[in-house]
C-alpha atoms as a PDB file:
ATOM      1  CA  MET A   1      68.291  91.012  54.214  1.00  0.00           C
ATOM      2  CA  ASN A   2      65.875  90.289  51.398  1.00  0.00           C
ATOM      3  CA  ILE A   3      63.462  93.072  50.362  1.00  0.00           C
ATOM      4  CA  ASN A   4      60.972  93.058  47.479  1.00  0.00           C
ATOM      5  CA  ILE A   5      59.274  96.362  46.721  1.00  0.00           C
ATOM      6  CA  SER A   6      56.055  96.404  44.745  1.00  0.00           C
ATOM      7  CA  ASN A   7      55.240  99.701  43.065  1.00  0.00           C
ATOM      8  CA  SER A   8      51.795  98.361  42.204  1.00  0.00           C
ATOM      9  CA  SER A   9      50.910  97.596  45.834  1.00  0.00           C
ATOM     10  CA  ASP A  10      48.368  99.764  47.621  1.00  0.00           C
ATOM     11  CA  LYS A  11      50.740  99.799  50.625  1.00  0.00           C
ATOM     12  CA  PRO A  12      53.174 102.704  50.865  1.00  0.00           C
ATOM     13  CA  ILE A  13      56.759 101.632  50.215  1.00  0.00           C
ATOM     14  CA  TYR A  14      57.917 102.540  53.725  1.00  0.00           C
ATOM     15  CA  ILE A  15      55.247 100.193  55.131  1.00  0.00           C
ATOM     16  CA  GLN A  16      56.432  97.433  52.785  1.00  0.00           C
ATOM     17  CA  LEU A  17      59.969  97.973  54.078  1.00  0.00           C
ATOM     18  CA  PHE A  18      58.845  98.025  57.707  1.00  0.00           C
ATOM     19  CA  GLU A  19      56.751  94.876  57.343  1.00  0.00           C
ATOM     20  CA  GLN A  20      59.397  92.875  55.519  1.00  0.00           C
ATOM     21  CA  ILE A  21      62.242  93.818  57.854  1.00  0.00           C
ATOM     22  CA  SER A  22      60.199  93.399  61.037  1.00  0.00           C
ATOM     23  CA  THR A  23      59.025  89.983  59.797  1.00  0.00           C
ATOM     24  CA  GLN A  24      62.615  88.925  59.101  1.00  0.00           C
ATOM     25  CA  ILE A  25      63.577  90.053  62.605  1.00  0.00           C
ATOM     26  CA  LEU A  26      60.668  88.184  64.195  1.00  0.00           C
ATOM     27  CA  ARG A  27      61.562  85.017  62.273  1.00  0.00           C
ATOM     28  CA  GLY A  28      65.173  85.303  63.410  1.00  0.00           C
ATOM     29  CA  GLU A  29      66.431  85.755  59.850  1.00  0.00           C
ATOM     30  CA  LEU A  30      68.068  89.040  60.907  1.00  0.00           C
ATOM     31  CA  PRO A  31      69.863  88.286  64.171  1.00  0.00           C
ATOM     32  CA  PRO A  32      70.440  90.714  67.038  1.00  0.00           C
ATOM     33  CA  GLY A  33      73.267  93.096  66.211  1.00  0.00           C
ATOM     34  CA  PHE A  34      72.811  92.686  62.445  1.00  0.00           C
ATOM     35  CA  ALA A  35      73.760  95.981  60.790  1.00  0.00           C
ATOM     36  CA  LEU A  36      71.130  97.399  58.456  1.00  0.00           C
ATOM     37  CA  PRO A  37      72.473  99.213  55.428  1.00  0.00           C
ATOM     38  CA  SER A  38      72.671 102.966  55.741  1.00  0.00           C
ATOM     39  CA  ILE A  39      69.577 104.869  54.694  1.00  0.00           C
ATOM     40  CA  ARG A  40      71.320 106.180  51.591  1.00  0.00           C
ATOM     41  CA  THR A  41      72.681 102.765  50.618  1.00  0.00           C
ATOM     42  CA  ALA A  42      69.299 101.081  51.075  1.00  0.00           C
ATOM     43  CA  ALA A  43      67.570 103.835  49.084  1.00  0.00           C
ATOM     44  CA  LYS A  44      70.045 103.455  46.234  1.00  0.00           C
ATOM     45  CA  GLU A  45      69.858  99.636  46.178  1.00  0.00           C
ATOM     46  CA  LEU A  46      66.055  99.597  46.374  1.00  0.00           C
ATOM     47  CA  ARG A  47      65.673 102.536  43.980  1.00  0.00           C
ATOM     48  CA  VAL A  48      63.454 104.477  46.384  1.00  0.00           C
ATOM     49  CA  SER A  49      63.816 107.852  48.025  1.00  0.00           C
ATOM     50  CA  VAL A  50      65.976 108.449  51.079  1.00  0.00           C
ATOM     51  CA  ILE A  51      62.894 109.878  52.822  1.00  0.00           C
ATOM     52  CA  THR A  52      61.020 106.598  52.285  1.00  0.00           C
ATOM     53  CA  VAL A  53      63.798 104.492  53.810  1.00  0.00           C
ATOM     54  CA  LYS A  54      64.215 106.993  56.645  1.00  0.00           C
ATOM     55  CA  LYS A  55      60.508 106.654  57.503  1.00  0.00           C
ATOM     56  CA  ALA A  56      60.794 102.850  57.546  1.00  0.00           C
ATOM     57  CA  TRP A  57      63.933 102.904  59.733  1.00  0.00           C
ATOM     58  CA  GLU A  58      62.269 105.408  62.101  1.00  0.00           C
ATOM     59  CA  GLU A  59      59.212 103.154  62.448  1.00  0.00           C
ATOM     60  CA  LEU A  60      61.411 100.113  63.054  1.00  0.00           C
ATOM     61  CA  GLU A  61      63.215 102.044  65.774  1.00  0.00           C
ATOM     62  CA  ARG A  62      59.987 103.444  67.255  1.00  0.00           C
ATOM     63  CA  GLN A  63      58.682  99.907  67.627  1.00  0.00           C
ATOM     64  CA  ALA A  64      62.023  98.721  69.100  1.00  0.00           C
ATOM     65  CA  PHE A  65      62.973  96.368  66.278  1.00  0.00           C
ATOM     66  CA  ILE A  66      66.223  98.268  65.701  1.00  0.00           C
ATOM     67  CA  TYR A  67      68.395 100.800  67.499  1.00  0.00           C
ATOM     68  CA  THR A  68      70.738 103.493  66.226  1.00  0.00           C
ATOM     69  CA  MET A  69      74.315 104.102  67.318  1.00  0.00           C
ATOM     70  CA  ALA A  70      75.415 107.597  66.395  1.00  0.00           C
ATOM     71  CA  GLY A  71      78.061 107.480  63.696  1.00  0.00           C
ATOM     72  CA  LYS A  72      77.836 103.685  63.377  1.00  0.00           C
ATOM     73  CA  GLY A  73      74.390 102.958  61.946  1.00  0.00           C
ATOM     74  CA  CYS A  74      71.256 100.967  62.728  1.00  0.00           C
ATOM     75  CA  PHE A  75      71.300  97.496  64.225  1.00  0.00           C
ATOM     76  CA  VAL A  76      68.740  94.797  64.983  1.00  0.00           C
ATOM     77  CA  ALA A  77      67.713  94.957  68.623  1.00  0.00           C
ATOM     78  CA  GLU A  78      68.089  92.071  71.047  1.00  0.00           C
ATOM     79  CA  LEU A  79      64.637  90.600  71.652  1.00  0.00           C
ATOM     80  CA  THR A  80      63.831  87.893  74.154  1.00  0.00           C
ATOM     81  CA  GLU A  81      61.509  85.101  73.023  1.00  0.00           C
ATOM     82  CA  VAL A  82      58.729  86.701  75.086  1.00  0.00           C
ATOM     83  CA  GLU A  83      59.308  90.121  73.471  1.00  0.00           C
ATOM     84  CA  ARG A  84      59.422  88.527  70.022  1.00  0.00           C
ATOM     85  CA  LEU A  85      56.148  86.671  70.667  1.00  0.00           C
ATOM     86  CA  ASN A  86      54.492  89.806  72.091  1.00  0.00           C
ATOM     87  CA  LYS A  87      55.507  91.886  69.064  1.00  0.00           C
ATOM     88  CA  LYS A  88      54.291  89.173  66.692  1.00  0.00           C
ATOM     89  CA  ASN A  89      50.952  88.981  68.506  1.00  0.00           C
ATOM     90  CA  GLU A  90      50.572  92.794  68.474  1.00  0.00           C
ATOM     91  CA  ILE A  91      51.159  92.951  64.730  1.00  0.00           C
ATOM     92  CA  ILE A  92      48.760  90.074  64.040  1.00  0.00           C
ATOM     93  CA  GLU A  93      46.068  91.635  66.208  1.00  0.00           C
ATOM     94  CA  GLN A  94      46.407  95.075  64.585  1.00  0.00           C
ATOM     95  CA  LYS A  95      46.284  93.706  61.039  1.00  0.00           C
ATOM     96  CA  MET A  96      43.441  91.304  61.705  1.00  0.00           C
ATOM     97  CA  GLN A  97      41.400  93.955  63.528  1.00  0.00           C
ATOM     98  CA  LYS A  98      41.623  96.261  60.509  1.00  0.00           C
ATOM     99  CA  ASP A  99      40.565  93.435  58.221  1.00  0.00           C
ATOM    100  CA  ILE A 100      37.707  92.376  60.502  1.00  0.00           C
ATOM    101  CA  ASP A 101      36.452  95.951  60.724  1.00  0.00           C
ATOM    102  CA  TYR A 102      36.432  96.118  56.930  1.00  0.00           C
ATOM    103  CA  TYR A 103      34.586  92.790  56.594  1.00  0.00           C
ATOM    104  CA  LYS A 104      32.030  93.915  59.157  1.00  0.00           C
ATOM    105  CA  SER A 105      31.467  97.085  57.146  1.00  0.00           C
ATOM    106  CA  MET A 106      30.704  94.769  54.203  1.00  0.00           C
ATOM    107  CA  GLU A 107      28.080  93.155  56.465  1.00  0.00           C
ATOM    108  CA  LEU A 108      29.825  89.794  56.624  1.00  0.00           C
ATOM    109  CA  ASP A 109      29.209  87.742  59.737  1.00  0.00           C
ATOM    110  CA  LEU A 110      31.836  85.611  61.478  1.00  0.00           C
ATOM    111  CA  GLU A 111      30.872  82.442  59.616  1.00  0.00           C
ATOM    112  CA  GLU A 112      31.210  84.157  56.234  1.00  0.00           C
ATOM    113  CA  ILE A 113      34.575  85.629  57.210  1.00  0.00           C
ATOM    114  CA  LEU A 114      35.813  82.214  58.344  1.00  0.00           C
ATOM    115  CA  GLU A 115      34.593  80.609  55.133  1.00  0.00           C
ATOM    116  CA  TRP A 116      36.566  83.149  53.093  1.00  0.00           C
ATOM    117  CA  PHE A 117      39.687  82.530  55.168  1.00  0.00           C
ATOM    118  CA  LYS A 118      39.344  78.767  54.735  1.00  0.00           C
ATOM    119  CA  LYS A 119      38.733  79.145  51.011  1.00  0.00           C
ATOM    120  CA  LEU A 120      41.725  81.407  50.418  1.00  0.00           C
ATOM    121  CA  TYR A 121      44.158  79.890  52.893  1.00  0.00           C
END
């Protein structure tokens, strides 16, 4: 598991954790059954608060990326290819919709948005 926290990011740290771990799961880099470090261990290694890691783990579990076994820890959930694709599509749609809403509020039309994407991609 490879996590890079940016204290200068405008994203809360628990969101950074959620996004990086969920992406690694969707890519297959963290296989089903992979044991995540305990909340305390992750907090210590990442130099963040236990509450922050707990929020990230709770969101991962809420969205069925991981599951918890009492007394044993948190593990990557088994996802079928269809489930993996559906989760990926949900995340893409949510993120892009937020961005599109913002661009629309800036009075950009579709062509301008596409030009920016092409330019920056």
